[in-house]
Amino acid sequence: YYKYFDSLNIYINIEFSGSMLPEENIPVVLYNLYFSNKKGIKDSAIALDKLPKVLLAEGYANYRAVANAGSGFDPNWKDKLIW
């Protein structure tokens, strides 16, 4: 998933294990939070020290909100993914 900030031309990207369409309530794993000028292009991630501090805080807050909505860390997470 991503959130775009037009005035900065920067995307906040949250990479996760994925879900089916139509979306169902299945276990997923959050992998990465990164910022880029193109959505979903991790190879062009922007270094954190190059970001406006408020955008970094916004991205982290978004990531934490998604994480907090879940059930928490599961040490057996690899066994629970459907793919």
Protein backbone atom coordinates (compact mmCIF):
# COMPACT_ATOMS: atom_id res chain seq x y z
CA TYR A 1 0.00 0.00 0.00
CA TYR A 2 1.14 3.56 -0.50
CA LYS A 3 0.26 7.13 0.37
CA TYR A 4 1.25 9.90 -2.04
CA PHE A 5 2.28 13.43 -1.10
CA ASP A 6 1.81 15.41 -4.30
CA SER A 7 3.54 18.59 -3.13
CA LEU A 8 6.73 16.59 -2.39
CA ASN A 9 6.38 13.96 -5.12
CA ILE A 10 7.08 11.33 -2.47
CA TYR A 11 5.30 8.08 -1.72
CA ILE A 12 5.16 6.39 1.66
CA ASN A 13 5.16 2.66 0.85
CA ILE A 14 4.21 -0.13 3.24
CA GLU A 15 5.28 -3.48 1.85
CA PHE A 16 3.40 -6.52 3.11
CA SER A 17 2.91 -10.16 2.16
CA GLY A 18 -0.28 -9.43 0.23
CA SER A 19 -3.88 -10.53 0.16
CA MET A 20 -6.36 -11.97 -2.30
CA LEU A 21 -8.89 -10.06 -4.33
CA PRO A 22 -11.54 -9.57 -3.29
CA GLU A 23 -9.69 -8.84 -0.07
CA GLU A 24 -10.29 -11.26 2.73
CA ASN A 25 -9.34 -11.25 6.37
CA ILE A 26 -6.16 -13.34 6.18
CA PRO A 27 -2.88 -13.17 8.11
CA VAL A 28 -0.26 -10.95 6.51
CA VAL A 29 3.24 -9.84 7.39
CA LEU A 30 4.48 -6.26 7.31
CA TYR A 31 7.87 -6.28 5.64
CA ASN A 32 9.07 -2.74 4.99
CA LEU A 33 8.33 0.93 5.27
CA TYR A 34 10.13 3.02 2.69
CA PHE A 35 9.84 6.30 0.83
CA SER A 36 10.27 6.77 -2.91
CA ASN A 37 9.47 9.06 -5.82
CA LYS A 38 7.65 6.22 -7.59
CA LYS A 39 5.08 4.01 -5.90
CA GLY A 40 6.25 0.55 -5.01
CA ILE A 41 9.78 0.96 -6.35
CA LYS A 42 11.96 -0.15 -3.45
CA ASP A 43 15.14 0.06 -5.54
CA SER A 44 14.69 3.83 -5.67
CA ALA A 45 14.04 4.28 -1.95
CA ILE A 46 14.99 7.68 -0.57
CA ALA A 47 17.53 7.73 2.27
CA LEU A 48 15.82 8.61 5.55
CA ASP A 49 18.18 11.51 6.22
CA LYS A 50 17.02 13.10 2.94
CA LEU A 51 13.35 13.23 4.00
CA PRO A 52 11.51 16.06 5.72
CA LYS A 53 11.27 15.07 9.39
CA VAL A 54 7.51 15.57 9.44
CA LEU A 55 7.09 13.17 6.50
CA LEU A 56 9.28 10.59 8.23
CA ALA A 57 7.11 10.92 11.34
CA GLU A 58 3.93 10.61 9.24
CA GLY A 59 5.21 7.47 7.54
CA TYR A 60 6.23 5.89 10.82
CA ALA A 61 2.86 6.76 12.38
CA ASN A 62 1.06 5.14 9.42
CA TYR A 63 3.20 2.01 9.71
CA ARG A 64 2.58 1.79 13.48
CA ALA A 65 -1.17 2.26 12.98
CA VAL A 66 -1.25 -0.70 10.58
CA ALA A 67 0.93 -2.80 12.90
CA ASN A 68 -1.16 -1.92 15.96
CA ALA A 69 -4.34 -2.97 14.17
CA GLY A 70 -2.93 -6.49 13.86
CA SER A 71 -2.49 -9.26 16.36
CA GLY A 72 1.19 -8.53 17.05
CA PHE A 73 4.38 -10.40 16.31
CA ASP A 74 4.01 -14.13 15.88
CA PRO A 75 7.26 -16.14 16.00
CA ASN A 76 5.63 -18.73 13.70
CA TRP A 77 4.53 -16.17 11.12
CA LYS A 78 6.06 -18.05 8.17
CA ASP A 79 3.83 -21.05 8.89
CA LYS A 80 0.66 -18.96 8.78
CA LEU A 81 1.00 -17.28 5.40
CA ILE A 82 -1.12 -18.79 2.66
CA TRP A 83 1.56 -18.25 0.00
